Amino acid sequence: MPTALKLAISLFVLLVAAGVYRFEQSLANETLAWVAAGLGIFMVIAIWIFPETSDEAPE
């Protein structure tokens, strides 16, 4: 996956996670707010750490 696409996806995921965090906090649901924030951070880390799958067989 191209780096520019990874950056765009990462930014989008972090913005959505921040929005959900703020929304849940406004409803006084702290636990779900932290779960949303943690899940967003985990997804961004996973995009950058885990390799892509490929159709080629390993040698």
Protein backbone atom coordinates (compact mmCIF):
# COMPACT_ATOMS: atom_id res chain seq x y z
CA MET A 1 0.00 0.00 0.00
CA PRO A 2 1.44 3.41 -0.89
CA THR A 3 2.58 5.57 2.00
CA ALA A 4 0.30 8.44 1.00
CA LEU A 5 -2.71 6.13 1.18
CA LYS A 6 -1.63 4.80 4.58
CA LEU A 7 -1.29 8.37 5.85
CA ALA A 8 -4.75 9.30 4.55
CA ILE A 9 -6.35 6.22 6.11
CA SER A 10 -4.51 6.81 9.39
CA LEU A 11 -5.67 10.41 9.54
CA PHE A 12 -9.26 9.43 8.74
CA VAL A 13 -9.30 6.69 11.40
CA LEU A 14 -7.84 9.02 14.03
CA LEU A 15 -10.37 11.74 13.21
CA VAL A 16 -13.29 9.31 13.45
CA ALA A 17 -11.94 7.84 16.71
CA ALA A 18 -11.53 11.35 18.15
CA GLY A 19 -15.08 12.22 17.11
CA VAL A 20 -16.51 9.09 18.70
CA TYR A 21 -14.44 9.77 21.83
CA ARG A 22 -15.83 13.31 22.12
CA PHE A 23 -19.38 12.14 21.40
CA GLU A 24 -19.29 9.38 24.00
CA GLN A 25 -17.69 11.70 26.54
CA SER A 26 -20.50 14.20 26.01
CA LEU A 27 -22.94 11.42 26.89
CA ALA A 28 -20.92 10.69 30.07
CA ASN A 29 -19.93 7.25 28.81
CA GLU A 30 -16.23 7.30 29.74
CA THR A 31 -15.58 3.60 29.27
CA LEU A 32 -16.86 3.47 25.71
CA ALA A 33 -15.02 6.72 24.92
CA TRP A 34 -11.70 5.16 25.96
CA VAL A 35 -12.50 1.96 24.07
CA ALA A 36 -13.11 3.96 20.89
CA ALA A 37 -9.89 5.93 21.34
CA GLY A 38 -7.87 2.78 22.03
CA LEU A 39 -9.37 0.95 19.07
CA GLY A 40 -8.57 3.86 16.76
CA ILE A 41 -4.96 3.96 17.92
CA PHE A 42 -4.67 0.18 17.59
CA MET A 43 -6.02 0.26 14.02
CA VAL A 44 -3.50 2.91 12.97
CA ILE A 45 -0.63 0.95 14.51
CA ALA A 46 -1.86 -2.23 12.82
CA ILE A 47 -1.92 -0.54 9.41
CA TRP A 48 1.74 0.40 9.75
CA ILE A 49 3.09 -2.75 11.45
CA PHE A 50 1.42 -5.71 9.77
CA PRO A 51 2.52 -6.48 6.21
CA GLU A 52 0.17 -6.67 3.27
CA THR A 53 -0.86 -10.01 1.89
CA SER A 54 0.34 -10.88 -1.57
CA ASP A 55 -0.66 -13.37 -4.22
CA GLU A 56 2.91 -14.54 -4.72
CA ALA A 57 4.02 -17.78 -3.13
CA PRO A 58 7.04 -17.56 -0.81
CA GLU A 59 10.23 -19.02 -2.19
